Amino acid sequence: MWPCYTERTEFVQGAGLLGTGQTVAVAFCSDDLMEVPLHVAASALLRHLAAGVEPRFYMLLTGFSGSMQESLRRTLDSVGRPYRITFLSSDLTRSFAGFRPLLGNYAPYYRLLLADLIEEPVFLYIDSDTLPGIDVSPLFRCEMGQFPAGFVVDGKVRMTLEHRLFESLGRDPEGPAFNSGVMLVQREQWIAQGCWPRLRQFCEQYSDQLLTADQTALNAILAEECYHLPPEYNVKLYPGRKPGLDDEPSLYHFLGAPKPWDFMGRTLLPCSGKWFDELKRIPLPATKKLLWLNGAYWKRAPRMLGGYRRLLKAALGR
C-alpha cells in the first residue's frame, strides 16, 4: 500500500513570486541529523545560480519541526534571491519496509519517490553533504532524450563495493557506475519506464546486498540507460585524499566519513575550509554553528566510527 502524501507550499516574504526568468526545480532529502549541512548546501546552491534564475526548492524531510523549517527559510532569505520552497511530508516507513538502511538511516531512499511527489517536468536532486560552487541551471538545458535520469558517470563496475552482485547480474566489470548524490530526473520518462517499481523490486529482492542503499539499486537498474552529466557537477572529495582539483567551479560532494562537520573533518577533508566559509554566512544560532554544541553532532558520531577505523588502518598501512 502506498503511503499518504501531503505537501505545504510557502512563498518567501519579500522575495515575491517567481518572475519571468528561467526557473529550476531542486530537491533535497534529509533527516534532522543533517540539518546544518542542508542549510549550507541549499544556500550555496542559491547563491551560485546565474542572475535571473529562480529556483523552486522541494524538501522531503523527516524529523524537521516547524521551527526548523522556518530556520531553513531564514537561511535562504539571507541570500537575497527570490525562490519558492515546498515542504513535502509523508509517512515513508512502509515504502522502505525490508530495505537495508545506510548507517541506520532510510533517508537515502527518499530520492526514489521524488518523481511521484514533484510535478515538475525536470528536477535536480542533490545530497545534503555537498557544497555547490557552480551554477546548476545549465543542467536544465540538457537534451536528455528518453533517459529517465542523469548522473556523473565516472566509475566502473569493478570499482564498486557491490561489484560481485553486479557481475552476478551480468554487468561487465568495465561497465559504467556512478555516485547517486546528484541526479537529474526527467519525470515523464521516469514514470513511463516504471523506474520506482523496478527499483523497489530490486531493493526487496537484494535487500541484504544494498551496501550503498539507493545507489546500489540505481546502478543496477539505470547505469546502462542514463544520461551522462558533466563531471564538474559531482566532484567527489574523500577523507585523507588529495582531490587533484583545478580552479574550475564545481559541485563538491563529501563522501565517506568523516564529513567536514564531523570530528577531525576540517583537517582530513580537502575543501572543508570552503564549507565552513559558507557556514559563516548562514544566520543560524551559535548552538548550531558551533558543531560540538549541536546535539545532532553527537548523535551522528556512532555512525561515523567505521570511517575513522578505515582512515586509521590506511594510516597504519594495514
Protein backbone atom coordinates (compact mmCIF):
# COMPACT_ATOMS: atom_id res chain seq x y z
CA MET A 1 0.00 0.00 0.00
CA TRP A 2 1.25 3.46 -0.89
CA PRO A 3 1.75 5.93 1.96
CA CYS A 4 -0.37 9.05 2.10
CA TYR A 5 1.47 12.18 0.97
CA THR A 6 0.73 15.77 1.84
CA GLU A 7 2.58 18.92 0.94
CA ARG A 8 2.73 22.55 2.03
CA THR A 9 3.98 25.32 -0.22
CA GLU A 10 5.35 28.57 1.19
CA PHE A 11 6.38 31.73 -0.64
CA VAL A 12 9.19 33.62 1.00
CA GLN A 13 8.16 37.02 2.27
CA GLY A 14 9.85 39.85 0.44
CA ALA A 15 11.09 37.64 -2.39
CA GLY A 16 7.90 37.76 -4.43
CA LEU A 17 6.52 35.17 -6.80
CA LEU A 18 8.68 33.60 -9.44
CA GLY A 19 9.39 36.08 -12.16
CA THR A 20 9.77 35.77 -15.91
CA GLY A 21 13.35 34.44 -15.87
CA GLN A 22 14.41 30.80 -16.02
CA THR A 23 13.08 28.60 -13.24
CA VAL A 24 14.70 25.43 -11.98
CA ALA A 25 13.39 22.74 -9.62
CA VAL A 26 15.81 21.42 -6.99
CA ALA A 27 15.06 18.74 -4.41
CA PHE A 28 16.78 17.82 -1.16
CA CYS A 29 16.03 14.85 1.10
CA SER A 30 17.28 14.79 4.66
CA ASP A 31 16.67 13.90 8.28
CA ASP A 32 17.22 16.19 11.26
CA LEU A 33 20.78 14.95 11.85
CA MET A 34 21.78 16.68 8.61
CA GLU A 35 20.07 19.98 9.36
CA VAL A 36 23.18 22.20 9.29
CA PRO A 37 24.68 20.60 6.13
CA LEU A 38 21.31 21.08 4.41
CA HIS A 39 21.42 24.80 5.23
CA VAL A 40 24.92 25.03 3.73
CA ALA A 41 24.11 23.06 0.56
CA ALA A 42 20.84 24.85 -0.19
CA SER A 43 22.16 28.36 0.47
CA ALA A 44 25.33 27.76 -1.57
CA LEU A 45 23.26 26.48 -4.49
CA LEU A 46 21.01 29.54 -4.35
CA ARG A 47 23.99 31.87 -4.09
CA HIS A 48 25.67 30.44 -7.20
CA LEU A 49 22.67 30.48 -9.53
CA ALA A 50 23.05 32.79 -12.51
CA ALA A 51 21.25 36.15 -12.40
CA GLY A 52 17.60 35.80 -13.41
CA VAL A 53 17.39 32.12 -12.47
CA GLU A 54 14.77 31.48 -9.79
CA PRO A 55 14.57 28.09 -8.05
CA ARG A 56 11.69 26.08 -6.74
CA PHE A 57 13.04 24.11 -3.77
CA TYR A 58 11.36 20.85 -2.79
CA MET A 59 12.28 19.49 0.64
CA LEU A 60 11.45 15.90 1.67
CA LEU A 61 12.50 15.95 5.31
CA THR A 62 11.94 13.83 8.39
CA GLY A 63 12.38 14.98 11.95
CA PHE A 64 12.20 18.68 10.99
CA SER A 65 9.91 20.64 13.29
CA GLY A 66 8.04 23.73 12.15
CA SER A 67 10.72 25.92 13.75
CA MET A 68 13.44 24.04 11.88
CA GLN A 69 11.62 24.64 8.61
CA GLU A 70 11.32 28.34 9.43
CA SER A 71 15.03 28.41 10.21
CA LEU A 72 15.79 27.00 6.75
CA ARG A 73 13.63 29.70 5.20
CA ARG A 74 15.57 32.38 7.09
CA THR A 75 18.83 30.96 5.76
CA LEU A 76 17.57 31.12 2.18
CA ASP A 77 16.15 34.61 2.78
CA SER A 78 19.63 35.77 3.82
CA VAL A 79 20.96 35.08 0.31
CA GLY A 80 18.70 37.84 -1.03
CA ARG A 81 17.44 35.93 -4.07
CA PRO A 82 13.81 35.10 -4.99
CA TYR A 83 12.83 31.48 -4.56
CA ARG A 84 9.90 29.25 -3.70
CA ILE A 85 10.05 26.39 -1.22
CA THR A 86 7.74 23.41 -0.81
CA PHE A 87 8.00 21.11 2.17
CA LEU A 88 6.90 17.60 1.23
CA SER A 89 5.86 15.34 4.07
CA SER A 90 4.85 11.71 4.21
CA ASP A 91 4.88 8.55 6.24
CA LEU A 92 7.77 6.86 4.48
CA THR A 93 8.16 3.87 6.80
CA ARG A 94 6.10 1.42 4.75
CA SER A 95 7.70 2.47 1.46
CA PHE A 96 11.05 1.02 2.51
CA ALA A 97 9.97 -1.87 4.71
CA GLY A 98 12.59 -4.59 4.40
CA PHE A 99 15.21 -2.38 2.73
CA ARG A 100 18.70 -2.29 4.20
CA PRO A 101 19.32 1.10 5.89
CA LEU A 102 22.53 3.04 5.33
CA LEU A 103 24.20 3.63 8.70
CA GLY A 104 20.82 3.05 10.33
CA ASN A 105 19.15 5.63 8.08
CA TYR A 106 16.45 5.28 5.39
CA ALA A 107 16.75 8.89 4.15
CA PRO A 108 18.98 7.89 1.17
CA TYR A 109 15.99 6.07 -0.33
CA TYR A 110 13.73 9.13 -0.24
CA ARG A 111 15.00 10.34 -3.62
CA LEU A 112 13.47 7.28 -5.29
CA LEU A 113 9.98 8.66 -4.54
CA LEU A 114 10.52 12.24 -5.68
CA ALA A 115 9.11 11.80 -9.18
CA ASP A 116 5.78 10.78 -7.61
CA LEU A 117 5.75 13.89 -5.42
CA ILE A 118 7.12 16.69 -7.58
CA GLU A 119 5.04 17.85 -10.54
CA GLU A 120 7.94 19.32 -12.49
CA PRO A 121 9.00 18.04 -15.94
CA VAL A 122 12.66 18.06 -14.87
CA PHE A 123 14.14 18.39 -11.40
CA LEU A 124 17.59 18.10 -9.87
CA TYR A 125 18.18 16.10 -6.70
CA ILE A 126 21.27 16.94 -4.63
CA ASP A 127 22.61 15.32 -1.46
CA SER A 128 22.94 17.44 1.66
CA ASP A 129 26.62 16.55 2.06
CA THR A 130 27.53 18.71 -0.93
CA LEU A 131 28.86 22.20 -1.46
CA PRO A 132 27.55 23.67 -4.73
CA GLY A 133 30.14 26.10 -6.03
CA ILE A 134 28.76 26.25 -9.54
CA ASP A 135 25.59 27.42 -11.29
CA VAL A 136 23.37 24.35 -11.75
CA SER A 137 20.92 25.98 -14.18
CA PRO A 138 22.80 24.81 -17.34
CA LEU A 139 21.84 21.25 -16.42
CA PHE A 140 18.21 22.12 -17.17
CA ARG A 141 19.15 22.77 -20.80
CA CYS A 142 20.47 19.22 -21.29
CA GLU A 143 18.81 17.27 -24.09
CA MET A 144 18.15 14.02 -22.22
CA GLY A 145 16.15 12.28 -24.92
CA GLN A 146 14.35 9.28 -23.41
CA PHE A 147 16.72 8.83 -20.49
CA PRO A 148 14.81 8.93 -17.18
CA ALA A 149 17.73 10.29 -15.17
CA GLY A 150 21.22 11.71 -15.48
CA PHE A 151 24.30 11.18 -13.29
CA VAL A 152 28.00 11.95 -13.36
CA VAL A 153 29.18 8.56 -14.63
CA ASP A 154 32.84 8.35 -13.75
CA GLY A 155 33.28 4.88 -12.28
CA LYS A 156 33.49 1.23 -13.31
CA VAL A 157 31.53 -1.74 -12.02
CA ARG A 158 34.73 -3.39 -10.78
CA MET A 159 35.42 -0.35 -8.57
CA THR A 160 32.10 -0.53 -6.69
CA LEU A 161 31.53 -2.13 -3.30
CA GLU A 162 28.84 -4.31 -4.88
CA HIS A 163 30.86 -5.46 -7.90
CA ARG A 164 30.25 -9.15 -7.15
CA LEU A 165 26.49 -8.59 -7.11
CA PHE A 166 26.56 -6.55 -10.31
CA GLU A 167 28.74 -9.08 -12.10
CA SER A 168 26.43 -11.91 -10.98
CA LEU A 169 23.63 -9.97 -12.68
CA GLY A 170 25.59 -9.92 -15.95
CA ARG A 171 27.17 -6.48 -15.69
CA ASP A 172 30.53 -6.02 -17.43
CA PRO A 173 33.29 -5.29 -14.86
CA GLU A 174 34.33 -2.39 -17.12
CA GLY A 175 30.76 -1.15 -17.40
CA PRO A 176 29.65 2.27 -16.12
CA ALA A 177 28.93 3.15 -12.49
CA PHE A 178 28.05 6.37 -10.72
CA ASN A 179 27.51 8.09 -7.39
CA SER A 180 23.84 8.94 -6.86
CA GLY A 181 24.34 12.16 -4.87
CA VAL A 182 23.49 14.34 -7.88
CA MET A 183 20.60 13.14 -10.02
CA LEU A 184 18.78 14.97 -12.81
CA VAL A 185 15.32 13.44 -13.32
CA GLN A 186 13.08 13.64 -16.35
CA ARG A 187 9.78 12.94 -14.61
CA GLU A 188 7.67 11.76 -17.54
CA GLN A 189 10.27 9.22 -18.61
CA TRP A 190 10.92 8.10 -15.02
CA ILE A 191 7.23 7.28 -14.57
CA ALA A 192 6.67 5.88 -18.06
CA GLN A 193 9.61 3.49 -17.68
CA GLY A 194 8.43 2.32 -14.26
CA CYS A 195 11.65 3.30 -12.50
CA TRP A 196 10.30 3.28 -8.94
CA PRO A 197 8.55 -0.14 -9.24
CA ARG A 198 11.71 -1.60 -10.78
CA LEU A 199 13.93 -0.08 -8.10
CA ARG A 200 11.58 -1.22 -5.33
CA GLN A 201 11.54 -4.77 -6.67
CA PHE A 202 15.33 -4.81 -6.80
CA CYS A 203 15.66 -3.48 -3.24
CA GLU A 204 13.22 -6.09 -1.94
CA GLN A 205 14.97 -8.92 -3.77
CA TYR A 206 18.53 -7.94 -2.84
CA SER A 207 17.91 -6.18 0.46
CA ASP A 208 20.89 -7.72 2.27
CA GLN A 209 23.24 -6.62 -0.52
CA LEU A 210 22.32 -2.91 -0.67
CA LEU A 211 25.75 -1.83 0.55
CA THR A 212 25.22 1.76 -0.63
CA ALA A 213 21.43 1.77 -0.25
CA ASP A 214 19.68 3.61 -3.12
CA GLN A 215 22.95 3.87 -5.05
CA THR A 216 23.19 0.08 -5.35
CA ALA A 217 19.71 -0.13 -6.86
CA LEU A 218 20.12 2.90 -9.13
CA ASN A 219 23.35 1.49 -10.58
CA ALA A 220 21.80 -1.94 -11.07
CA ILE A 221 18.75 -0.54 -12.90
CA LEU A 222 19.93 2.66 -14.62
CA ALA A 223 23.71 2.63 -15.11
CA GLU A 224 23.37 1.38 -18.68
CA GLU A 225 20.43 3.66 -19.50
CA CYS A 226 21.14 7.06 -18.02
CA TYR A 227 22.23 10.46 -19.30
CA HIS A 228 25.85 11.41 -18.51
CA LEU A 229 26.17 14.76 -16.73
CA PRO A 230 29.35 16.87 -16.95
CA PRO A 231 31.93 15.77 -14.34
CA GLU A 232 32.11 19.15 -12.60
CA TYR A 233 28.62 18.57 -11.19
CA ASN A 234 29.70 15.83 -8.78
CA VAL A 235 33.35 16.23 -7.76
CA LYS A 236 34.00 13.63 -5.08
CA LEU A 237 36.07 14.53 -2.02
CA TYR A 238 37.31 11.76 0.27
CA PRO A 239 38.96 12.00 3.71
CA GLY A 240 42.73 11.94 3.51
CA ARG A 241 42.90 12.02 -0.29
CA LYS A 242 44.07 14.85 -2.48
CA PRO A 243 41.31 15.56 -4.98
CA GLY A 244 43.51 16.87 -7.78
CA LEU A 245 41.10 19.72 -8.41
CA ASP A 246 41.76 22.69 -10.62
CA ASP A 247 40.26 26.13 -10.13
CA GLU A 248 37.14 25.48 -12.19
CA PRO A 249 33.80 25.96 -10.37
CA SER A 250 32.39 22.63 -9.24
CA LEU A 251 29.71 20.98 -7.18
CA TYR A 252 31.73 19.33 -4.42
CA HIS A 253 30.50 16.14 -2.76
CA PHE A 254 31.95 14.98 0.55
CA LEU A 255 31.99 11.17 0.57
CA GLY A 256 32.80 8.67 3.26
CA ALA A 257 33.39 9.63 6.87
CA PRO A 258 34.15 11.94 8.46
CA LYS A 259 32.39 14.86 6.76
CA PRO A 260 33.67 18.44 7.24
CA TRP A 261 31.32 18.94 10.21
CA ASP A 262 32.36 15.70 11.96
CA PHE A 263 35.22 15.30 14.42
CA MET A 264 38.54 15.99 12.62
CA GLY A 265 36.65 16.54 9.36
CA ARG A 266 38.02 20.03 8.85
CA THR A 267 41.57 18.64 9.00
CA LEU A 268 41.07 15.46 6.99
CA LEU A 269 38.88 16.67 4.13
CA PRO A 270 40.05 18.76 1.17
CA CYS A 271 37.98 21.89 0.55
CA SER A 272 36.41 21.70 4.01
CA GLY A 273 37.51 25.31 4.55
CA LYS A 274 35.11 26.34 1.76
CA TRP A 275 32.30 24.54 3.56
CA PHE A 276 33.00 26.45 6.78
CA ASP A 277 33.20 29.72 4.83
CA GLU A 278 29.64 29.09 3.64
CA LEU A 279 28.56 28.17 7.17
CA LYS A 280 29.73 31.58 8.41
CA ARG A 281 27.24 33.28 6.05
CA ILE A 282 24.25 31.42 7.50
CA PRO A 283 22.09 33.08 10.20
CA LEU A 284 21.99 30.04 12.48
CA PRO A 285 22.43 30.38 16.27
CA ALA A 286 25.83 29.59 17.77
CA THR A 287 24.45 26.39 19.28
CA LYS A 288 24.01 25.07 15.73
CA LYS A 289 27.10 26.60 14.09
CA LEU A 290 29.48 25.56 16.89
CA LEU A 291 29.01 21.94 15.97
CA TRP A 292 30.20 20.38 19.22
CA LEU A 293 27.32 22.22 20.93
CA ASN A 294 24.84 20.74 18.46
CA GLY A 295 23.03 17.58 19.57
CA ALA A 296 22.97 16.25 16.00
CA TYR A 297 26.78 16.32 16.00
CA TRP A 298 26.92 13.77 18.83
CA LYS A 299 24.01 11.66 17.56
CA ARG A 300 25.83 11.19 14.25
CA ALA A 301 29.11 10.20 15.90
CA PRO A 302 28.38 6.46 16.35
CA ARG A 303 27.51 6.18 12.66
CA MET A 304 30.91 7.57 11.69
CA LEU A 305 33.07 5.07 13.61
CA GLY A 306 33.59 2.82 10.59
CA GLY A 307 35.02 5.72 8.59
CA TYR A 308 37.51 6.58 11.33
CA ARG A 309 38.58 2.93 11.56
CA ARG A 310 39.26 2.80 7.82
CA LEU A 311 41.32 6.00 7.99
CA LEU A 312 43.34 4.61 10.88
CA LYS A 313 44.02 1.35 9.03
CA ALA A 314 45.10 3.28 5.94
CA ALA A 315 47.43 5.45 8.04
CA LEU A 316 48.98 2.35 9.60
CA GLY A 317 49.34 0.68 6.20
CA ARG A 318 47.09 -2.23 7.05
